[in-house]
Amino acid sequence: MERSLLQRIEAFLKESAMPPSVFGRAAVHDPRLVSDLRGGREPGLRLICRVEHFMNKWRADRRAGHVAPEGDRRTRAARGLDVRVEA
């Protein structure tokens, strides 16, 4: 049986170490997307396509080595990955 969109997103969040609000903002400009889906929001076909495209593109970019350190500012700083370049 095919997994639901929310299940695929949850797996992606774990894989990418990306916070839900960062994912929603990056994928569809909606920081509440994941919390709304967890609360029962039913996504339309267009939303599903946009989210799937974002996840597929992110994975392809990661395989090609084009993805920045995973997570957001806070998680990168906690891991010691947040490097600032002084001009």
PDB file of N, CA and C in Angstrom:
ATOM      1  N   MET A   1       0.843  -1.180   0.000  1.00  0.00           N
ATOM      2  CA  MET A   1       0.000   0.000   0.000  1.00  0.00           C
ATOM      3  C   MET A   1       0.891   1.247   0.000  1.00  0.00           C
ATOM      4  N   GLU A   2       0.497   2.234  -0.749  1.00  0.00           N
ATOM      5  CA  GLU A   2       1.273   3.469  -0.849  1.00  0.00           C
ATOM      6  C   GLU A   2       1.159   4.285   0.441  1.00  0.00           C
ATOM      7  N   ARG A   3       2.296   4.842   0.851  1.00  0.00           N
ATOM      8  CA  ARG A   3       2.300   5.658   2.057  1.00  0.00           C
ATOM      9  C   ARG A   3       1.642   7.007   1.775  1.00  0.00           C
ATOM     10  N   SER A   4       1.065   7.596   2.820  1.00  0.00           N
ATOM     11  CA  SER A   4       0.425   8.901   2.674  1.00  0.00           C
ATOM     12  C   SER A   4       1.486   9.988   2.526  1.00  0.00           C
ATOM     13  N   LEU A   5       1.047  11.140   2.087  1.00  0.00           N
ATOM     14  CA  LEU A   5       1.961  12.262   1.946  1.00  0.00           C
ATOM     15  C   LEU A   5       2.619  12.585   3.285  1.00  0.00           C
ATOM     16  N   LEU A   6       1.856  12.577   4.351  1.00  0.00           N
ATOM     17  CA  LEU A   6       2.415  12.887   5.670  1.00  0.00           C
ATOM     18  C   LEU A   6       3.490  11.874   6.062  1.00  0.00           C
ATOM     19  N   GLN A   7       3.283  10.613   5.785  1.00  0.00           N
ATOM     20  CA  GLN A   7       4.298   9.602   6.100  1.00  0.00           C
ATOM     21  C   GLN A   7       5.568   9.835   5.294  1.00  0.00           C
ATOM     22  N   ARG A   8       5.431  10.203   4.027  1.00  0.00           N
ATOM     23  CA  ARG A   8       6.610  10.483   3.196  1.00  0.00           C
ATOM     24  C   ARG A   8       7.336  11.732   3.687  1.00  0.00           C
ATOM     25  N   ILE A   9       6.574  12.741   4.119  1.00  0.00           N
ATOM     26  CA  ILE A   9       7.188  13.954   4.651  1.00  0.00           C
ATOM     27  C   ILE A   9       7.923  13.642   5.949  1.00  0.00           C
ATOM     28  N   GLU A  10       7.313  12.872   6.838  1.00  0.00           N
ATOM     29  CA  GLU A  10       7.952  12.519   8.108  1.00  0.00           C
ATOM     30  C   GLU A  10       9.268  11.790   7.863  1.00  0.00           C
ATOM     31  N   ALA A  11       9.286  10.867   6.897  1.00  0.00           N
ATOM     32  CA  ALA A  11      10.525  10.159   6.560  1.00  0.00           C
ATOM     33  C   ALA A  11      11.570  11.135   6.020  1.00  0.00           C
ATOM     34  N   PHE A  12      11.128  12.083   5.194  1.00  0.00           N
ATOM     35  CA  PHE A  12      12.047  13.079   4.643  1.00  0.00           C
ATOM     36  C   PHE A  12      12.623  13.961   5.743  1.00  0.00           C
ATOM     37  N   LEU A  13      11.789  14.382   6.696  1.00  0.00           N
ATOM     38  CA  LEU A  13      12.264  15.232   7.788  1.00  0.00           C
ATOM     39  C   LEU A  13      13.334  14.515   8.598  1.00  0.00           C
ATOM     40  N   LYS A  14      13.142  13.237   8.823  1.00  0.00           N
ATOM     41  CA  LYS A  14      14.135  12.459   9.556  1.00  0.00           C
ATOM     42  C   LYS A  14      15.428  12.327   8.747  1.00  0.00           C
ATOM     43  N   GLU A  15      15.287  12.060   7.447  1.00  0.00           N
ATOM     44  CA  GLU A  15      16.439  11.903   6.556  1.00  0.00           C
ATOM     45  C   GLU A  15      17.249  13.191   6.438  1.00  0.00           C
ATOM     46  N   SER A  16      16.559  14.313   6.351  1.00  0.00           N
ATOM     47  CA  SER A  16      17.234  15.588   6.097  1.00  0.00           C
ATOM     48  C   SER A  16      17.571  16.365   7.357  1.00  0.00           C
ATOM     49  N   ALA A  17      17.042  15.941   8.498  1.00  0.00           N
ATOM     50  CA  ALA A  17      17.216  16.672   9.765  1.00  0.00           C
ATOM     51  C   ALA A  17      16.700  18.102   9.642  1.00  0.00           C
ATOM     52  N   MET A  18      15.663  18.272   8.856  1.00  0.00           N
ATOM     53  CA  MET A  18      15.078  19.585   8.611  1.00  0.00           C
ATOM     54  C   MET A  18      13.872  19.777   9.534  1.00  0.00           C
ATOM     55  N   PRO A  19      13.795  20.894  10.235  1.00  0.00           N
ATOM     56  CA  PRO A  19      12.616  21.149  11.068  1.00  0.00           C
ATOM     57  C   PRO A  19      11.351  21.276  10.197  1.00  0.00           C
ATOM     58  N   PRO A  20      10.210  20.885  10.729  1.00  0.00           N
ATOM     59  CA  PRO A  20       8.966  20.931   9.935  1.00  0.00           C
ATOM     60  C   PRO A  20       8.636  22.311   9.374  1.00  0.00           C
ATOM     61  N   SER A  21       8.858  23.355  10.144  1.00  0.00           N
ATOM     62  CA  SER A  21       8.507  24.689   9.646  1.00  0.00           C
ATOM     63  C   SER A  21       9.434  25.121   8.508  1.00  0.00           C
ATOM     64  N   VAL A  22      10.695  24.746   8.583  1.00  0.00           N
ATOM     65  CA  VAL A  22      11.648  25.061   7.508  1.00  0.00           C
ATOM     66  C   VAL A  22      11.252  24.299   6.243  1.00  0.00           C
ATOM     67  N   PHE A  23      10.870  23.035   6.410  1.00  0.00           N
ATOM     68  CA  PHE A  23      10.418  22.233   5.273  1.00  0.00           C
ATOM     69  C   PHE A  23       9.208  22.874   4.598  1.00  0.00           C
ATOM     70  N   GLY A  24       8.197  23.199   5.377  1.00  0.00           N
ATOM     71  CA  GLY A  24       6.983  23.783   4.811  1.00  0.00           C
ATOM     72  C   GLY A  24       7.244  25.090   4.090  1.00  0.00           C
ATOM     73  N   ARG A  25       8.093  25.916   4.684  1.00  0.00           N
ATOM     74  CA  ARG A  25       8.413  27.207   4.070  1.00  0.00           C
ATOM     75  C   ARG A  25       9.181  26.995   2.762  1.00  0.00           C
ATOM     76  N   ALA A  26      10.140  26.081   2.774  1.00  0.00           N
ATOM     77  CA  ALA A  26      10.949  25.846   1.578  1.00  0.00           C
ATOM     78  C   ALA A  26      10.145  25.162   0.468  1.00  0.00           C
ATOM     79  N   ALA A  27       9.284  24.243   0.844  1.00  0.00           N
ATOM     80  CA  ALA A  27       8.552  23.467  -0.158  1.00  0.00           C
ATOM     81  C   ALA A  27       7.389  24.231  -0.777  1.00  0.00           C
ATOM     82  N   VAL A  28       6.580  24.884   0.068  1.00  0.00           N
ATOM     83  CA  VAL A  28       5.357  25.510  -0.447  1.00  0.00           C
ATOM     84  C   VAL A  28       5.067  26.872   0.172  1.00  0.00           C
ATOM     85  N   HIS A  29       6.050  27.481   0.793  1.00  0.00           N
ATOM     86  CA  HIS A  29       5.892  28.802   1.417  1.00  0.00           C
ATOM     87  C   HIS A  29       4.822  28.797   2.510  1.00  0.00           C
ATOM     88  N   ASP A  30       4.729  27.677   3.244  1.00  0.00           N
ATOM     89  CA  ASP A  30       3.738  27.551   4.311  1.00  0.00           C
ATOM     90  C   ASP A  30       4.396  26.875   5.520  1.00  0.00           C
ATOM     91  N   PRO A  31       4.877  27.664   6.490  1.00  0.00           N
ATOM     92  CA  PRO A  31       5.567  27.068   7.639  1.00  0.00           C
ATOM     93  C   PRO A  31       4.675  26.174   8.497  1.00  0.00           C
ATOM     94  N   ARG A  32       3.359  26.268   8.358  1.00  0.00           N
ATOM     95  CA  ARG A  32       2.444  25.434   9.148  1.00  0.00           C
ATOM     96  C   ARG A  32       1.998  24.168   8.411  1.00  0.00           C
ATOM     97  N   LEU A  33       2.554  23.919   7.247  1.00  0.00           N
ATOM     98  CA  LEU A  33       2.123  22.789   6.432  1.00  0.00           C
ATOM     99  C   LEU A  33       2.143  21.470   7.207  1.00  0.00           C
ATOM    100  N   VAL A  34       3.270  21.123   7.798  1.00  0.00           N
ATOM    101  CA  VAL A  34       3.393  19.822   8.457  1.00  0.00           C
ATOM    102  C   VAL A  34       2.464  19.733   9.661  1.00  0.00           C
ATOM    103  N   SER A  35       2.402  20.789  10.451  1.00  0.00           N
ATOM    104  CA  SER A  35       1.501  20.745  11.609  1.00  0.00           C
ATOM    105  C   SER A  35       0.041  20.649  11.173  1.00  0.00           C
ATOM    106  N   ASP A  36      -0.316  21.319  10.087  1.00  0.00           N
ATOM    107  CA  ASP A  36      -1.687  21.219   9.569  1.00  0.00           C
ATOM    108  C   ASP A  36      -1.989  19.803   9.062  1.00  0.00           C
ATOM    109  N   LEU A  37      -1.029  19.187   8.364  1.00  0.00           N
ATOM    110  CA  LEU A  37      -1.222  17.814   7.886  1.00  0.00           C
ATOM    111  C   LEU A  37      -1.346  16.855   9.068  1.00  0.00           C
ATOM    112  N   ARG A  38      -0.526  17.076  10.097  1.00  0.00           N
ATOM    113  CA  ARG A  38      -0.621  16.244  11.297  1.00  0.00           C
ATOM    114  C   ARG A  38      -1.976  16.420  11.965  1.00  0.00           C
ATOM    115  N   GLY A  39      -2.567  17.579  11.817  1.00  0.00           N
ATOM    116  CA  GLY A  39      -3.865  17.866  12.410  1.00  0.00           C
ATOM    117  C   GLY A  39      -5.048  17.432  11.557  1.00  0.00           C
ATOM    118  N   GLY A  40      -4.786  16.854  10.393  1.00  0.00           N
ATOM    119  CA  GLY A  40      -5.875  16.332   9.575  1.00  0.00           C
ATOM    120  C   GLY A  40      -6.135  17.051   8.272  1.00  0.00           C
ATOM    121  N   ARG A  41      -5.339  18.058   7.917  1.00  0.00           N
ATOM    122  CA  ARG A  41      -5.530  18.773   6.648  1.00  0.00           C
ATOM    123  C   ARG A  41      -5.395  17.799   5.488  1.00  0.00           C
ATOM    124  N   GLU A  42      -6.301  17.885   4.552  1.00  0.00           N
ATOM    125  CA  GLU A  42      -6.265  17.047   3.357  1.00  0.00           C
ATOM    126  C   GLU A  42      -5.620  17.834   2.211  1.00  0.00           C
ATOM    127  N   PRO A  43      -4.460  17.389   1.735  1.00  0.00           N
ATOM    128  CA  PRO A  43      -3.780  18.123   0.665  1.00  0.00           C
ATOM    129  C   PRO A  43      -4.425  17.866  -0.690  1.00  0.00           C
ATOM    130  N   GLY A  44      -4.398  18.888  -1.525  1.00  0.00           N
ATOM    131  CA  GLY A  44      -4.881  18.738  -2.889  1.00  0.00           C
ATOM    132  C   GLY A  44      -3.771  18.198  -3.781  1.00  0.00           C
ATOM    133  N   LEU A  45      -4.116  17.866  -4.998  1.00  0.00           N
ATOM    134  CA  LEU A  45      -3.158  17.292  -5.937  1.00  0.00           C
ATOM    135  C   LEU A  45      -2.003  18.249  -6.220  1.00  0.00           C
ATOM    136  N   ARG A  46      -2.306  19.535  -6.379  1.00  0.00           N
ATOM    137  CA  ARG A  46      -1.258  20.516  -6.670  1.00  0.00           C
ATOM    138  C   ARG A  46      -0.258  20.594  -5.521  1.00  0.00           C
ATOM    139  N   LEU A  47      -0.738  20.605  -4.284  1.00  0.00           N
ATOM    140  CA  LEU A  47       0.135  20.653  -3.117  1.00  0.00           C
ATOM    141  C   LEU A  47       0.995  19.396  -3.041  1.00  0.00           C
ATOM    142  N   ILE A  48       0.393  18.247  -3.276  1.00  0.00           N
ATOM    143  CA  ILE A  48       1.143  16.986  -3.256  1.00  0.00           C
ATOM    144  C   ILE A  48       2.268  17.023  -4.285  1.00  0.00           C
ATOM    145  N   CYS A  49       1.978  17.494  -5.475  1.00  0.00           N
ATOM    146  CA  CYS A  49       2.987  17.576  -6.530  1.00  0.00           C
ATOM    147  C   CYS A  49       4.123  18.519  -6.154  1.00  0.00           C
ATOM    148  N   ARG A  50       3.785  19.670  -5.573  1.00  0.00           N
ATOM    149  CA  ARG A  50       4.821  20.632  -5.187  1.00  0.00           C
ATOM    150  C   ARG A  50       5.724  20.060  -4.093  1.00  0.00           C
ATOM    151  N   VAL A  51       5.132  19.390  -3.109  1.00  0.00           N
ATOM    152  CA  VAL A  51       5.905  18.803  -2.013  1.00  0.00           C
ATOM    153  C   VAL A  51       6.795  17.677  -2.531  1.00  0.00           C
ATOM    154  N   GLU A  52       6.246  16.798  -3.359  1.00  0.00           N
ATOM    155  CA  GLU A  52       7.033  15.697  -3.920  1.00  0.00           C
ATOM    156  C   GLU A  52       8.190  16.227  -4.763  1.00  0.00           C
ATOM    157  N   HIS A  53       7.919  17.272  -5.550  1.00  0.00           N
ATOM    158  CA  HIS A  53       8.974  17.869  -6.366  1.00  0.00           C
ATOM    159  C   HIS A  53      10.095  18.408  -5.481  1.00  0.00           C
ATOM    160  N   PHE A  54       9.743  19.112  -4.403  1.00  0.00           N
ATOM    161  CA  PHE A  54      10.751  19.656  -3.499  1.00  0.00           C
ATOM    162  C   PHE A  54      11.617  18.538  -2.908  1.00  0.00           C
ATOM    163  N   MET A  55      10.975  17.469  -2.423  1.00  0.00           N
ATOM    164  CA  MET A  55      11.734  16.377  -1.804  1.00  0.00           C
ATOM    165  C   MET A  55      12.636  15.678  -2.828  1.00  0.00           C
ATOM    166  N   ASN A  56      12.117  15.448  -4.026  1.00  0.00           N
ATOM    167  CA  ASN A  56      12.922  14.805  -5.065  1.00  0.00           C
ATOM    168  C   ASN A  56      14.100  15.676  -5.483  1.00  0.00           C
ATOM    169  N   LYS A  57      13.861  16.975  -5.619  1.00  0.00           N
ATOM    170  CA  LYS A  57      14.939  17.892  -6.003  1.00  0.00           C
ATOM    171  C   LYS A  57      15.995  17.971  -4.903  1.00  0.00           C
ATOM    172  N   TRP A  58      15.567  18.014  -3.644  1.00  0.00           N
ATOM    173  CA  TRP A  58      16.505  18.077  -2.526  1.00  0.00           C
ATOM    174  C   TRP A  58      17.397  16.834  -2.518  1.00  0.00           C
ATOM    175  N   ARG A  59      16.784  15.661  -2.715  1.00  0.00           N
ATOM    176  CA  ARG A  59      17.560  14.410  -2.726  1.00  0.00           C
ATOM    177  C   ARG A  59      18.539  14.383  -3.893  1.00  0.00           C
ATOM    178  N   ALA A  60      18.114  14.837  -5.068  1.00  0.00           N
ATOM    179  CA  ALA A  60      19.007  14.877  -6.230  1.00  0.00           C
ATOM    180  C   ALA A  60      20.160  15.842  -5.981  1.00  0.00           C
ATOM    181  N   ASP A  61      19.864  17.001  -5.405  1.00  0.00           N
ATOM    182  CA  ASP A  61      20.917  17.967  -5.092  1.00  0.00           C
ATOM    183  C   ASP A  61      21.884  17.412  -4.061  1.00  0.00           C
ATOM    184  N   ARG A  62      21.382  16.667  -3.081  1.00  0.00           N
ATOM    185  CA  ARG A  62      22.249  16.073  -2.066  1.00  0.00           C
ATOM    186  C   ARG A  62      23.182  15.046  -2.705  1.00  0.00           C
ATOM    187  N   ARG A  63      22.643  14.202  -3.597  1.00  0.00           N
ATOM    188  CA  ARG A  63      23.478  13.212  -4.279  1.00  0.00           C
ATOM    189  C   ARG A  63      24.551  13.890  -5.120  1.00  0.00           C
ATOM    190  N   ALA A  64      24.221  15.045  -5.688  1.00  0.00           N
ATOM    191  CA  ALA A  64      25.181  15.775  -6.516  1.00  0.00           C
ATOM    192  C   ALA A  64      26.139  16.618  -5.677  1.00  0.00           C
ATOM    193  N   GLY A  65      25.906  16.683  -4.371  1.00  0.00           N
ATOM    194  CA  GLY A  65      26.789  17.446  -3.492  1.00  0.00           C
ATOM    195  C   GLY A  65      26.488  18.929  -3.445  1.00  0.00           C
ATOM    196  N   HIS A  66      25.269  19.327  -3.814  1.00  0.00           N
ATOM    197  CA  HIS A  66      24.916  20.747  -3.852  1.00  0.00           C
ATOM    198  C   HIS A  66      24.099  21.219  -2.661  1.00  0.00           C
ATOM    199  N   VAL A  67      23.828  20.338  -1.708  1.00  0.00           N
ATOM    200  CA  VAL A  67      22.991  20.711  -0.566  1.00  0.00           C
ATOM    201  C   VAL A  67      23.874  21.237   0.555  1.00  0.00           C
ATOM    202  N   ALA A  68      23.472  22.364   1.108  1.00  0.00           N
ATOM    203  CA  ALA A  68      24.184  22.963   2.248  1.00  0.00           C
ATOM    204  C   ALA A  68      24.007  22.054   3.462  1.00  0.00           C
ATOM    205  N   PRO A  69      24.736  22.323   4.547  1.00  0.00           N
ATOM    206  CA  PRO A  69      24.550  21.506   5.756  1.00  0.00           C
ATOM    207  C   PRO A  69      23.079  21.396   6.114  1.00  0.00           C
ATOM    208  N   GLU A  70      22.694  20.192   6.550  1.00  0.00           N
ATOM    209  CA  GLU A  70      21.292  19.906   6.794  1.00  0.00           C
ATOM    210  C   GLU A  70      20.776  20.605   8.036  1.00  0.00           C
ATOM    211  N   GLY A  71      19.482  20.818   8.061  1.00  0.00           N
ATOM    212  CA  GLY A  71      18.844  21.463   9.191  1.00  0.00           C
ATOM    213  C   GLY A  71      18.783  22.967   9.002  1.00  0.00           C
ATOM    214  N   ASP A  72      18.465  23.656  10.061  1.00  0.00           N
ATOM    215  CA  ASP A  72      18.405  25.106   9.994  1.00  0.00           C
ATOM    216  C   ASP A  72      19.569  25.702  10.779  1.00  0.00           C
ATOM    217  N   ARG A  73      19.555  27.008  10.956  1.00  0.00           N
ATOM    218  CA  ARG A  73      20.623  27.722  11.645  1.00  0.00           C
ATOM    219  C   ARG A  73      20.949  27.126  13.008  1.00  0.00           C
ATOM    220  N   ARG A  74      19.903  26.821  13.759  1.00  0.00           N
ATOM    221  CA  ARG A  74      20.112  26.335  15.126  1.00  0.00           C
ATOM    222  C   ARG A  74      20.765  24.959  15.139  1.00  0.00           C
ATOM    223  N   THR A  75      20.306  24.049  14.280  1.00  0.00           N
ATOM    224  CA  THR A  75      20.886  22.710  14.304  1.00  0.00           C
ATOM    225  C   THR A  75      22.295  22.706  13.738  1.00  0.00           C
ATOM    226  N   ARG A  76      22.566  23.540  12.742  1.00  0.00           N
ATOM    227  CA  ARG A  76      23.934  23.623  12.212  1.00  0.00           C
ATOM    228  C   ARG A  76      24.876  24.180  13.269  1.00  0.00           C
ATOM    229  N   ALA A  77      24.433  25.199  14.006  1.00  0.00           N
ATOM    230  CA  ALA A  77      25.270  25.789  15.052  1.00  0.00           C
ATOM    231  C   ALA A  77      25.542  24.771  16.151  1.00  0.00           C
ATOM    232  N   ALA A  78      24.540  23.985  16.501  1.00  0.00           N
ATOM    233  CA  ALA A  78      24.709  22.977  17.551  1.00  0.00           C
ATOM    234  C   ALA A  78      25.693  21.898  17.121  1.00  0.00           C
ATOM    235  N   ARG A  79      25.736  21.602  15.841  1.00  0.00           N
ATOM    236  CA  ARG A  79      26.667  20.595  15.319  1.00  0.00           C
ATOM    237  C   ARG A  79      28.034  21.187  14.998  1.00  0.00           C
ATOM    238  N   GLY A  80      28.161  22.515  15.098  1.00  0.00           N
ATOM    239  CA  GLY A  80      29.428  23.171  14.772  1.00  0.00           C
ATOM    240  C   GLY A  80      29.661  23.314  13.288  1.00  0.00           C
ATOM    241  N   LEU A  81      28.584  23.293  12.495  1.00  0.00           N
ATOM    242  CA  LEU A  81      28.707  23.374  11.044  1.00  0.00           C
ATOM    243  C   LEU A  81      28.476  24.775  10.495  1.00  0.00           C
ATOM    244  N   ASP A  82      28.004  25.679  11.340  1.00  0.00           N
ATOM    245  CA  ASP A  82      27.660  27.019  10.866  1.00  0.00           C
ATOM    246  C   ASP A  82      28.942  27.847  10.763  1.00  0.00           C
ATOM    247  N   VAL A  83      29.464  27.948   9.571  1.00  0.00           N
ATOM    248  CA  VAL A  83      30.703  28.688   9.352  1.00  0.00           C
ATOM    249  C   VAL A  83      30.368  29.998   8.666  1.00  0.00           C
ATOM    250  N   ARG A  84      30.777  31.082   9.259  1.00  0.00           N
ATOM    251  CA  ARG A  84      30.521  32.405   8.686  1.00  0.00           C
ATOM    252  C   ARG A  84      31.771  32.879   7.952  1.00  0.00           C
ATOM    253  N   VAL A  85      31.573  33.440   6.801  1.00  0.00           N
ATOM    254  CA  VAL A  85      32.678  33.950   6.002  1.00  0.00           C
ATOM    255  C   VAL A  85      32.742  35.457   6.214  1.00  0.00           C
ATOM    256  N   GLU A  86      33.857  35.943   6.681  1.00  0.00           N
ATOM    257  CA  GLU A  86      34.038  37.369   6.891  1.00  0.00           C
ATOM    258  C   GLU A  86      34.536  38.014   5.589  1.00  0.00           C
ATOM    259  N   ALA A  87      33.937  39.134   5.219  1.00  0.00           N
ATOM    260  CA  ALA A  87      34.318  39.812   3.966  1.00  0.00           C
ATOM    261  C   ALA A  87      35.393  40.835   4.231  1.00  0.00           C
TER     262      ALA A  87
END
